[in-house]
C-alpha atoms as a PDB file:
ATOM      1  CA  UNK A   1       0.000   0.000   0.000  1.00  0.00           C
ATOM      2  CA  UNK A   2       1.460   3.328  -1.081  1.00  0.00           C
ATOM      3  CA  UNK A   3       0.954   6.198   1.365  1.00  0.00           C
ATOM      4  CA  UNK A   4       1.942   9.840   1.166  1.00  0.00           C
ATOM      5  CA  UNK A   5       2.783  11.259   4.596  1.00  0.00           C
ATOM      6  CA  UNK A   6       3.692  14.821   5.619  1.00  0.00           C
ATOM      7  CA  UNK A   7       6.873  14.097   7.577  1.00  0.00           C
ATOM      8  CA  UNK A   8       9.507  11.558   8.572  1.00  0.00           C
ATOM      9  CA  UNK A   9       7.899  11.399  12.015  1.00  0.00           C
ATOM     10  CA  UNK A  10       4.634  10.133  10.518  1.00  0.00           C
ATOM     11  CA  UNK A  11       6.535   7.696   8.304  1.00  0.00           C
ATOM     12  CA  UNK A  12       8.360   6.359  11.365  1.00  0.00           C
ATOM     13  CA  UNK A  13       5.176   5.728  13.333  1.00  0.00           C
ATOM     14  CA  UNK A  14       3.813   3.679  10.407  1.00  0.00           C
ATOM     15  CA  UNK A  15       7.061   1.902   9.518  1.00  0.00           C
ATOM     16  CA  UNK A  16       6.180  -1.392  11.223  1.00  0.00           C
ATOM     17  CA  UNK A  17       2.814  -1.805   9.492  1.00  0.00           C
ATOM     18  CA  UNK A  18       2.859  -4.711   7.010  1.00  0.00           C
ATOM     19  CA  UNK A  19       2.827  -3.893   3.317  1.00  0.00           C
ATOM     20  CA  UNK A  20       2.961  -0.132   3.837  1.00  0.00           C
ATOM     21  CA  UNK A  21       5.272   2.079   1.740  1.00  0.00           C
ATOM     22  CA  UNK A  22       5.487   5.675   2.972  1.00  0.00           C
ATOM     23  CA  UNK A  23       6.692   8.552   0.794  1.00  0.00           C
ATOM     24  CA  UNK A  24       7.128  11.979   2.390  1.00  0.00           C
ATOM     25  CA  UNK A  25       5.345  14.796   0.570  1.00  0.00           C
ATOM     26  CA  UNK A  26       5.161  18.166   2.322  1.00  0.00           C
ATOM     27  CA  UNK A  27       4.341  20.368  -0.658  1.00  0.00           C
ATOM     28  CA  UNK A  28       7.542  20.470  -2.674  1.00  0.00           C
ATOM     29  CA  UNK A  29       8.321  18.141  -5.555  1.00  0.00           C
ATOM     30  CA  UNK A  30       5.823  15.290  -5.469  1.00  0.00           C
ATOM     31  CA  UNK A  31       7.168  11.726  -5.230  1.00  0.00           C
ATOM     32  CA  UNK A  32       6.664   9.372  -8.171  1.00  0.00           C
ATOM     33  CA  UNK A  33       3.648   7.121  -8.395  1.00  0.00           C
ATOM     34  CA  UNK A  34       0.840   9.509  -7.525  1.00  0.00           C
ATOM     35  CA  UNK A  35      -1.632   7.271  -9.380  1.00  0.00           C
ATOM     36  CA  UNK A  36      -0.850   4.405  -6.955  1.00  0.00           C
ATOM     37  CA  UNK A  37      -1.333   6.367  -3.719  1.00  0.00           C
ATOM     38  CA  UNK A  38      -4.054   4.692  -1.644  1.00  0.00           C
ATOM     39  CA  UNK A  39      -3.774   6.869   1.483  1.00  0.00           C
ATOM     40  CA  UNK A  40      -2.801  10.528   1.600  1.00  0.00           C
ATOM     41  CA  UNK A  41      -2.017  12.378   4.832  1.00  0.00           C
ATOM     42  CA  UNK A  42      -1.438  15.997   3.739  1.00  0.00           C
ATOM     43  CA  UNK A  43       0.750  18.389   5.756  1.00  0.00           C
ATOM     44  CA  UNK A  44      -0.545  21.046   8.114  1.00  0.00           C
ATOM     45  CA  UNK A  45       0.016  23.786   5.506  1.00  0.00           C
ATOM     46  CA  UNK A  46      -2.041  23.104   2.390  1.00  0.00           C
ATOM     47  CA  UNK A  47       0.053  21.986  -0.582  1.00  0.00           C
ATOM     48  CA  UNK A  48      -0.199  23.758  -3.966  1.00  0.00           C
ATOM     49  CA  UNK A  49      -2.914  22.690  -6.425  1.00  0.00           C
ATOM     50  CA  UNK A  50      -5.016  20.400  -4.267  1.00  0.00           C
ATOM     51  CA  UNK A  51      -7.654  19.927  -7.021  1.00  0.00           C
ATOM     52  CA  UNK A  52      -5.028  18.889  -9.568  1.00  0.00           C
ATOM     53  CA  UNK A  53      -3.302  16.594  -7.089  1.00  0.00           C
ATOM     54  CA  UNK A  54      -6.515  14.813  -6.121  1.00  0.00           C
ATOM     55  CA  UNK A  55      -7.568  14.466  -9.754  1.00  0.00           C
ATOM     56  CA  UNK A  56      -4.419  12.407 -10.398  1.00  0.00           C
ATOM     57  CA  UNK A  57      -4.928  10.171  -7.346  1.00  0.00           C
ATOM     58  CA  UNK A  58      -6.921   7.519  -9.144  1.00  0.00           C
ATOM     59  CA  UNK A  59      -6.242   4.859  -6.478  1.00  0.00           C
ATOM     60  CA  UNK A  60      -7.007   7.044  -3.447  1.00  0.00           C
ATOM     61  CA  UNK A  61      -9.174   5.382  -0.793  1.00  0.00           C
ATOM     62  CA  UNK A  62      -8.468   7.519   2.284  1.00  0.00           C
ATOM     63  CA  UNK A  63      -7.466  11.138   2.814  1.00  0.00           C
ATOM     64  CA  UNK A  64      -6.677  11.750   6.474  1.00  0.00           C
ATOM     65  CA  UNK A  65      -6.037  15.394   7.319  1.00  0.00           C
ATOM     66  CA  UNK A  66      -3.927  16.529  10.270  1.00  0.00           C
ATOM     67  CA  UNK A  67      -6.281  19.492  10.696  1.00  0.00           C
ATOM     68  CA  UNK A  68      -9.839  19.797  11.911  1.00  0.00           C
ATOM     69  CA  UNK A  69     -10.706  21.832   8.817  1.00  0.00           C
ATOM     70  CA  UNK A  70     -11.180  20.009   5.515  1.00  0.00           C
ATOM     71  CA  UNK A  71     -12.249  22.881   3.252  1.00  0.00           C
ATOM     72  CA  UNK A  72      -9.263  22.576   0.830  1.00  0.00           C
ATOM     73  CA  UNK A  73     -10.109  18.908   0.122  1.00  0.00           C
ATOM     74  CA  UNK A  74     -13.854  18.384   0.555  1.00  0.00           C
ATOM     75  CA  UNK A  75     -14.970  19.769  -2.845  1.00  0.00           C
ATOM     76  CA  UNK A  76     -12.354  17.803  -4.799  1.00  0.00           C
ATOM     77  CA  UNK A  77     -12.477  14.290  -3.319  1.00  0.00           C
ATOM     78  CA  UNK A  78     -12.312  11.496  -5.924  1.00  0.00           C
ATOM     79  CA  UNK A  79     -15.246   9.122  -6.091  1.00  0.00           C
ATOM     80  CA  UNK A  80     -14.820   6.184  -3.732  1.00  0.00           C
ATOM     81  CA  UNK A  81     -12.355   7.944  -1.416  1.00  0.00           C
ATOM     82  CA  UNK A  82     -13.114   8.645   2.249  1.00  0.00           C
ATOM     83  CA  UNK A  83     -12.214  11.977   3.872  1.00  0.00           C
ATOM     84  CA  UNK A  84     -11.411  12.050   7.603  1.00  0.00           C
ATOM     85  CA  UNK A  85     -10.356  15.023   9.694  1.00  0.00           C
ATOM     86  CA  UNK A  86      -8.228  15.324  12.833  1.00  0.00           C
ATOM     87  CA  UNK A  87     -11.006  16.202  15.258  1.00  0.00           C
ATOM     88  CA  UNK A  88      -9.558  16.327  18.760  1.00  0.00           C
ATOM     89  CA  UNK A  89      -5.909  16.595  17.759  1.00  0.00           C
ATOM     90  CA  UNK A  90      -5.660  20.367  18.194  1.00  0.00           C
ATOM     91  CA  UNK A  91      -8.143  20.802  21.041  1.00  0.00           C
ATOM     92  CA  UNK A  92      -5.539  21.383  23.742  1.00  0.00           C
ATOM     93  CA  UNK A  93      -3.354  23.793  21.785  1.00  0.00           C
ATOM     94  CA  UNK A  94      -6.202  25.839  20.334  1.00  0.00           C
ATOM     95  CA  UNK A  95      -8.080  26.079  23.628  1.00  0.00           C
ATOM     96  CA  UNK A  96      -4.892  27.124  25.430  1.00  0.00           C
ATOM     97  CA  UNK A  97      -4.194  29.766  22.787  1.00  0.00           C
ATOM     98  CA  UNK A  98      -7.722  31.164  23.111  1.00  0.00           C
ATOM     99  CA  UNK A  99      -7.415  31.547  26.881  1.00  0.00           C
ATOM    100  CA  UNK A 100      -3.991  33.157  26.566  1.00  0.00           C
ATOM    101  CA  UNK A 101      -5.150  35.477  23.790  1.00  0.00           C
ATOM    102  CA  UNK A 102      -8.199  36.761  25.616  1.00  0.00           C
ATOM    103  CA  UNK A 103      -6.188  37.372  28.778  1.00  0.00           C
ATOM    104  CA  UNK A 104      -3.433  39.108  26.795  1.00  0.00           C
ATOM    105  CA  UNK A 105      -5.907  41.524  25.206  1.00  0.00           C
ATOM    106  CA  UNK A 106      -7.977  42.154  28.337  1.00  0.00           C
ATOM    107  CA  UNK A 107      -4.888  42.739  30.504  1.00  0.00           C
ATOM    108  CA  UNK A 108      -3.229  44.773  27.711  1.00  0.00           C
ATOM    109  CA  UNK A 109      -0.058  42.705  27.563  1.00  0.00           C
ATOM    110  CA  UNK A 110       0.920  43.879  24.051  1.00  0.00           C
ATOM    111  CA  UNK A 111       0.821  47.512  25.194  1.00  0.00           C
ATOM    112  CA  UNK A 112       2.912  46.747  28.256  1.00  0.00           C
ATOM    113  CA  UNK A 113       5.457  44.920  26.083  1.00  0.00           C
ATOM    114  CA  UNK A 114       5.724  48.013  23.881  1.00  0.00           C
ATOM    115  CA  UNK A 115       6.179  50.177  26.986  1.00  0.00           C
ATOM    116  CA  UNK A 116       8.863  47.813  28.276  1.00  0.00           C
ATOM    117  CA  UNK A 117      10.801  48.195  25.032  1.00  0.00           C
ATOM    118  CA  UNK A 118      10.582  51.972  25.434  1.00  0.00           C
ATOM    119  CA  UNK A 119      11.619  51.738  29.089  1.00  0.00           C
ATOM    120  CA  UNK A 120       8.360  53.321  30.280  1.00  0.00           C
ATOM    121  CA  UNK A 121       6.477  52.500  33.496  1.00  0.00           C
ATOM    122  CA  UNK A 122       2.876  52.893  32.246  1.00  0.00           C
ATOM    123  CA  UNK A 123       0.845  52.025  35.355  1.00  0.00           C
ATOM    124  CA  UNK A 124      -2.931  51.925  34.866  1.00  0.00           C
ATOM    125  CA  UNK A 125      -5.909  49.685  35.500  1.00  0.00           C
ATOM    126  CA  UNK A 126      -6.766  47.111  32.842  1.00  0.00           C
ATOM    127  CA  UNK A 127      -9.660  44.841  32.039  1.00  0.00           C
ATOM    128  CA  UNK A 128      -9.958  41.392  33.575  1.00  0.00           C
ATOM    129  CA  UNK A 129     -11.400  38.016  32.622  1.00  0.00           C
ATOM    130  CA  UNK A 130     -13.060  37.447  36.011  1.00  0.00           C
ATOM    131  CA  UNK A 131     -16.809  38.147  36.170  1.00  0.00           C
ATOM    132  CA  UNK A 132     -17.097  38.285  32.383  1.00  0.00           C
ATOM    133  CA  UNK A 133     -19.276  36.391  29.926  1.00  0.00           C
ATOM    134  CA  UNK A 134     -17.475  34.298  27.325  1.00  0.00           C
ATOM    135  CA  UNK A 135     -19.562  33.355  24.297  1.00  0.00           C
ATOM    136  CA  UNK A 136     -18.197  30.318  22.435  1.00  0.00           C
ATOM    137  CA  UNK A 137     -19.466  30.279  18.840  1.00  0.00           C
ATOM    138  CA  UNK A 138     -18.973  26.780  17.456  1.00  0.00           C
ATOM    139  CA  UNK A 139     -19.182  24.585  20.535  1.00  0.00           C
ATOM    140  CA  UNK A 140     -17.544  21.314  19.495  1.00  0.00           C
ATOM    141  CA  UNK A 141     -14.594  19.423  20.930  1.00  0.00           C
ATOM    142  CA  UNK A 142     -12.364  22.528  20.943  1.00  0.00           C
ATOM    143  CA  UNK A 143     -15.132  24.560  22.563  1.00  0.00           C
ATOM    144  CA  UNK A 144     -15.494  21.943  25.292  1.00  0.00           C
ATOM    145  CA  UNK A 145     -11.715  21.963  25.811  1.00  0.00           C
ATOM    146  CA  UNK A 146     -11.813  25.763  26.071  1.00  0.00           C
ATOM    147  CA  UNK A 147     -14.583  25.636  28.653  1.00  0.00           C
ATOM    148  CA  UNK A 148     -12.569  23.177  30.759  1.00  0.00           C
ATOM    149  CA  UNK A 149      -9.641  25.575  30.731  1.00  0.00           C
ATOM    150  CA  UNK A 150     -11.854  28.506  31.669  1.00  0.00           C
ATOM    151  CA  UNK A 151     -13.082  26.651  34.734  1.00  0.00           C
ATOM    152  CA  UNK A 152     -11.637  28.544  37.690  1.00  0.00           C
ATOM    153  CA  UNK A 153     -11.469  31.923  35.941  1.00  0.00           C
ATOM    154  CA  UNK A 154     -14.858  32.877  37.401  1.00  0.00           C
ATOM    155  CA  UNK A 155     -16.572  33.474  34.077  1.00  0.00           C
ATOM    156  CA  UNK A 156     -19.962  32.603  32.649  1.00  0.00           C
ATOM    157  CA  UNK A 157     -19.670  30.465  29.526  1.00  0.00           C
ATOM    158  CA  UNK A 158     -22.420  30.648  26.898  1.00  0.00           C
ATOM    159  CA  UNK A 159     -22.359  27.974  24.197  1.00  0.00           C
ATOM    160  CA  UNK A 160     -23.555  28.200  20.596  1.00  0.00           C
ATOM    161  CA  UNK A 161     -23.435  25.474  17.943  1.00  0.00           C
ATOM    162  CA  UNK A 162     -25.005  24.679  14.590  1.00  0.00           C
ATOM    163  CA  UNK A 163     -27.928  22.965  16.302  1.00  0.00           C
ATOM    164  CA  UNK A 164     -29.452  23.318  19.777  1.00  0.00           C
ATOM    165  CA  UNK A 165     -28.808  20.684  22.422  1.00  0.00           C
ATOM    166  CA  UNK A 166     -28.815  20.565  26.190  1.00  0.00           C
ATOM    167  CA  UNK A 167     -26.984  23.660  27.419  1.00  0.00           C
ATOM    168  CA  UNK A 168     -26.089  24.792  23.884  1.00  0.00           C
ATOM    169  CA  UNK A 169     -27.909  27.484  21.919  1.00  0.00           C
ATOM    170  CA  UNK A 170     -28.467  27.271  18.140  1.00  0.00           C
ATOM    171  CA  UNK A 171     -26.849  29.735  15.762  1.00  0.00           C
ATOM    172  CA  UNK A 172     -30.175  31.485  15.349  1.00  0.00           C
ATOM    173  CA  UNK A 173     -29.841  32.715  18.949  1.00  0.00           C
ATOM    174  CA  UNK A 174     -26.623  34.642  18.273  1.00  0.00           C
ATOM    175  CA  UNK A 175     -28.180  38.078  17.683  1.00  0.00           C
ATOM    176  CA  UNK A 176     -29.793  37.969  21.120  1.00  0.00           C
ATOM    177  CA  UNK A 177     -26.685  36.606  22.864  1.00  0.00           C
ATOM    178  CA  UNK A 178     -23.998  38.898  21.421  1.00  0.00           C
ATOM    179  CA  UNK A 179     -24.856  42.092  23.357  1.00  0.00           C
ATOM    180  CA  UNK A 180     -24.174  40.435  26.730  1.00  0.00           C
ATOM    181  CA  UNK A 181     -20.798  38.872  25.818  1.00  0.00           C
ATOM    182  CA  UNK A 182     -17.515  40.383  27.001  1.00  0.00           C
ATOM    183  CA  UNK A 183     -15.513  37.902  24.911  1.00  0.00           C
ATOM    184  CA  UNK A 184     -16.713  36.199  21.709  1.00  0.00           C
ATOM    185  CA  UNK A 185     -14.623  33.192  20.672  1.00  0.00           C
ATOM    186  CA  UNK A 186     -15.001  31.887  17.112  1.00  0.00           C
ATOM    187  CA  UNK A 187     -14.441  28.141  16.694  1.00  0.00           C
ATOM    188  CA  UNK A 188     -16.720  27.410  13.744  1.00  0.00           C
ATOM    189  CA  UNK A 189     -15.489  25.465  10.702  1.00  0.00           C
ATOM    190  CA  UNK A 190     -15.096  27.121   7.313  1.00  0.00           C
ATOM    191  CA  UNK A 191     -18.267  26.307   5.365  1.00  0.00           C
ATOM    192  CA  UNK A 192     -20.513  28.249   2.986  1.00  0.00           C
ATOM    193  CA  UNK A 193     -22.779  28.945   5.965  1.00  0.00           C
ATOM    194  CA  UNK A 194     -19.999  30.499   8.073  1.00  0.00           C
ATOM    195  CA  UNK A 195     -18.226  32.486   5.342  1.00  0.00           C
ATOM    196  CA  UNK A 196     -18.352  36.134   6.371  1.00  0.00           C
ATOM    197  CA  UNK A 197     -20.780  35.431   9.210  1.00  0.00           C
ATOM    198  CA  UNK A 198     -18.995  37.961  11.435  1.00  0.00           C
ATOM    199  CA  UNK A 199     -20.050  40.961   9.399  1.00  0.00           C
ATOM    200  CA  UNK A 200     -20.812  44.575  10.280  1.00  0.00           C
ATOM    201  CA  UNK A 201     -24.207  43.639  11.742  1.00  0.00           C
ATOM    202  CA  UNK A 202     -22.682  40.887  13.903  1.00  0.00           C
ATOM    203  CA  UNK A 203     -19.971  43.216  15.202  1.00  0.00           C
ATOM    204  CA  UNK A 204     -22.459  46.042  15.823  1.00  0.00           C
ATOM    205  CA  UNK A 205     -24.358  43.768  18.215  1.00  0.00           C
ATOM    206  CA  UNK A 206     -21.249  43.212  20.342  1.00  0.00           C
ATOM    207  CA  UNK A 207     -21.042  45.378  23.468  1.00  0.00           C
ATOM    208  CA  UNK A 208     -18.611  48.289  23.732  1.00  0.00           C
ATOM    209  CA  UNK A 209     -15.190  47.080  24.842  1.00  0.00           C
ATOM    210  CA  UNK A 210     -15.833  43.436  23.927  1.00  0.00           C
ATOM    211  CA  UNK A 211     -13.067  41.216  22.542  1.00  0.00           C
ATOM    212  CA  UNK A 212     -13.420  39.096  19.408  1.00  0.00           C
ATOM    213  CA  UNK A 213     -11.178  36.007  19.467  1.00  0.00           C
ATOM    214  CA  UNK A 214     -10.840  34.193  16.134  1.00  0.00           C
ATOM    215  CA  UNK A 215      -9.349  30.711  16.335  1.00  0.00           C
ATOM    216  CA  UNK A 216     -11.508  29.433  13.470  1.00  0.00           C
ATOM    217  CA  UNK A 217     -10.719  30.566   9.921  1.00  0.00           C
ATOM    218  CA  UNK A 218     -10.016  34.039   8.595  1.00  0.00           C
ATOM    219  CA  UNK A 219     -12.876  33.923   6.108  1.00  0.00           C
ATOM    220  CA  UNK A 220     -15.412  33.689   8.927  1.00  0.00           C
ATOM    221  CA  UNK A 221     -14.798  37.407   9.632  1.00  0.00           C
ATOM    222  CA  UNK A 222     -15.400  40.332   7.281  1.00  0.00           C
ATOM    223  CA  UNK A 223     -11.981  41.969   7.588  1.00  0.00           C
ATOM    224  CA  UNK A 224     -13.135  45.420   6.466  1.00  0.00           C
ATOM    225  CA  UNK A 225     -15.992  45.412   8.965  1.00  0.00           C
ATOM    226  CA  UNK A 226     -13.629  44.385  11.769  1.00  0.00           C
ATOM    227  CA  UNK A 227     -11.118  47.072  10.804  1.00  0.00           C
ATOM    228  CA  UNK A 228     -13.846  49.704  10.958  1.00  0.00           C
ATOM    229  CA  UNK A 229     -14.692  48.702  14.546  1.00  0.00           C
ATOM    230  CA  UNK A 230     -11.063  48.449  15.630  1.00  0.00           C
ATOM    231  CA  UNK A 231     -10.273  51.917  14.299  1.00  0.00           C
ATOM    232  CA  UNK A 232     -12.997  53.438  16.466  1.00  0.00           C
ATOM    233  CA  UNK A 233     -11.629  51.647  19.534  1.00  0.00           C
ATOM    234  CA  UNK A 234     -15.059  50.226  20.329  1.00  0.00           C
ATOM    235  CA  UNK A 235     -13.969  46.587  19.972  1.00  0.00           C
ATOM    236  CA  UNK A 236     -10.715  44.703  20.424  1.00  0.00           C
ATOM    237  CA  UNK A 237      -9.609  41.452  18.828  1.00  0.00           C
ATOM    238  CA  UNK A 238      -7.200  38.534  19.040  1.00  0.00           C
ATOM    239  CA  UNK A 239      -6.670  36.809  15.692  1.00  0.00           C
ATOM    240  CA  UNK A 240      -4.809  33.593  14.986  1.00  0.00           C
ATOM    241  CA  UNK A 241      -6.306  33.533  11.485  1.00  0.00           C
ATOM    242  CA  UNK A 242      -6.921  36.325   8.994  1.00  0.00           C
ATOM    243  CA  UNK A 243      -8.342  37.021   5.570  1.00  0.00           C
ATOM    244  CA  UNK A 244      -6.162  37.224   3.599  1.00  0.00           C
ATOM    245  CA  UNK A 245      -3.718  34.704   5.032  1.00  0.00           C
ATOM    246  CA  UNK A 246      -0.803  34.998   5.354  1.00  0.00           C
ATOM    247  CA  UNK A 247      -1.456  38.638   6.160  1.00  0.00           C
ATOM    248  CA  UNK A 248       0.650  40.630   3.660  1.00  0.00           C
ATOM    249  CA  UNK A 249       3.128  43.294   4.633  1.00  0.00           C
ATOM    250  CA  UNK A 250       1.464  46.692   4.897  1.00  0.00           C
ATOM    251  CA  UNK A 251      -2.038  45.337   5.486  1.00  0.00           C
ATOM    252  CA  UNK A 252      -3.997  47.713   7.764  1.00  0.00           C
ATOM    253  CA  UNK A 253      -4.731  44.923  10.269  1.00  0.00           C
ATOM    254  CA  UNK A 254      -1.063  44.945  11.309  1.00  0.00           C
ATOM    255  CA  UNK A 255      -1.331  48.461  12.683  1.00  0.00           C
ATOM    256  CA  UNK A 256      -4.977  48.547  13.743  1.00  0.00           C
ATOM    257  CA  UNK A 257      -5.464  49.545  17.395  1.00  0.00           C
ATOM    258  CA  UNK A 258      -6.500  46.941  19.927  1.00  0.00           C
ATOM    259  CA  UNK A 259      -5.647  43.828  17.913  1.00  0.00           C
ATOM    260  CA  UNK A 260      -3.284  40.954  18.758  1.00  0.00           C
ATOM    261  CA  UNK A 261      -2.259  38.849  15.742  1.00  0.00           C
ATOM    262  CA  UNK A 262      -0.503  35.476  15.750  1.00  0.00           C
ATOM    263  CA  UNK A 263       0.373  33.610  12.512  1.00  0.00           C
ATOM    264  CA  UNK A 264      -2.054  30.652  12.699  1.00  0.00           C
ATOM    265  CA  UNK A 265      -0.097  28.919  15.456  1.00  0.00           C
ATOM    266  CA  UNK A 266      -2.864  27.955  17.910  1.00  0.00           C
ATOM    267  CA  UNK A 267      -2.648  24.257  17.087  1.00  0.00           C
ATOM    268  CA  UNK A 268       1.058  24.181  16.232  1.00  0.00           C
ATOM    269  CA  UNK A 269       2.354  22.594  19.419  1.00  0.00           C
ATOM    270  CA  UNK A 270       4.198  19.453  20.544  1.00  0.00           C
ATOM    271  CA  UNK A 271       0.926  18.253  22.084  1.00  0.00           C
ATOM    272  CA  UNK A 272      -0.735  18.408  18.669  1.00  0.00           C
ATOM    273  CA  UNK A 273       2.228  16.625  17.077  1.00  0.00           C
ATOM    274  CA  UNK A 274       1.923  13.755  19.552  1.00  0.00           C
ATOM    275  CA  UNK A 275      -1.809  13.481  19.009  1.00  0.00           C
ATOM    276  CA  UNK A 276      -1.391  13.505  15.223  1.00  0.00           C
ATOM    277  CA  UNK A 277       0.911  10.506  15.392  1.00  0.00           C
ATOM    278  CA  UNK A 278      -1.524   8.585  17.584  1.00  0.00           C
ATOM    279  CA  UNK A 279      -4.462   9.418  15.314  1.00  0.00           C
ATOM    280  CA  UNK A 280      -2.645   8.524  12.092  1.00  0.00           C
ATOM    281  CA  UNK A 281      -1.490   5.171  13.418  1.00  0.00           C
ATOM    282  CA  UNK A 282      -4.953   4.355  14.766  1.00  0.00           C
ATOM    283  CA  UNK A 283      -6.619   5.253  11.474  1.00  0.00           C
ATOM    284  CA  UNK A 284      -4.165   3.242   9.393  1.00  0.00           C
ATOM    285  CA  UNK A 285      -4.645   0.186  11.602  1.00  0.00           C
ATOM    286  CA  UNK A 286      -8.390   0.539  11.126  1.00  0.00           C
ATOM    287  CA  UNK A 287      -7.986   1.008   7.363  1.00  0.00           C
ATOM    288  CA  UNK A 288      -5.770  -2.070   7.030  1.00  0.00           C
ATOM    289  CA  UNK A 289      -8.209  -4.158   9.062  1.00  0.00           C
ATOM    290  CA  UNK A 290     -11.230  -2.936   7.092  1.00  0.00           C
ATOM    291  CA  UNK A 291     -12.753  -1.423  10.225  1.00  0.00           C
ATOM    292  CA  UNK A 292     -14.872   1.720  10.567  1.00  0.00           C
ATOM    293  CA  UNK A 293     -12.725   4.853  10.535  1.00  0.00           C
ATOM    294  CA  UNK A 294     -13.070   7.738  12.989  1.00  0.00           C
ATOM    295  CA  UNK A 295     -13.877  11.350  12.069  1.00  0.00           C
ATOM    296  CA  UNK A 296     -15.422  10.564   8.659  1.00  0.00           C
ATOM    297  CA  UNK A 297     -16.626  13.712   6.931  1.00  0.00           C
ATOM    298  CA  UNK A 298     -20.100  13.198   5.479  1.00  0.00           C
ATOM    299  CA  UNK A 299     -21.290  16.813   5.319  1.00  0.00           C
ATOM    300  CA  UNK A 300     -19.492  20.158   5.026  1.00  0.00           C
ATOM    301  CA  UNK A 301     -17.389  19.118   8.060  1.00  0.00           C
END
């Protein structure tokens, strides 16, 4: 069985499986034999020309991503191939980033770092996470991991997901919930339904001084609408993802007031790396044994 893997580490964890040949492909020159590849595990950063690559994979039976998002692959999957995501792999890293980001913005850490570099003692009161309301938009496994990490910070957590369930509001409830939230955390997948959902109307419903935390995908937020709010100082933001991405030099988001930007690193941690290896090995064992795979994508995500 010919498998494309994203790294030597993934190849190593599969090296003892019988009949498995692993070729490393991380986005550079593709190895030979693309038409014989039965399993593809793409790298974290999307390779060039995904549609063209998948069109040539005439033997593909399983595409296992190392990301929770599958939007680069879902529209182009060959007939007969199964698409699985890495649900759960990045929960710890992304949830930890979200907590750190909201604290950094509320406690004004970026401003204090700038003052430190200038050698200035800029004492003043800041915001605080305690006694606030944190609205999690997209309450899945990462949202649950975030809530666990917020336990002890003395906050009220409000949960929103695609559909209502016990303790979780549906998306239709968002307009009524936004005005009470001090922090709004975006964890929704990138789908046609979520593209641009955080528009001018969404942002206008957020309370003065609220913080928008985007750990989802850049396209979920209307960048121009967010910039307009940031420039007034009414809202603040912490962004691990942007539209466009990577954010080009000179883009106005870089210098907008009240925004903390990280380069899509929330899930890029050793914890995620360890979990990727465990998931990939588990999935390949299931595939070889003809067993039901985990995290099969049957809808938009």
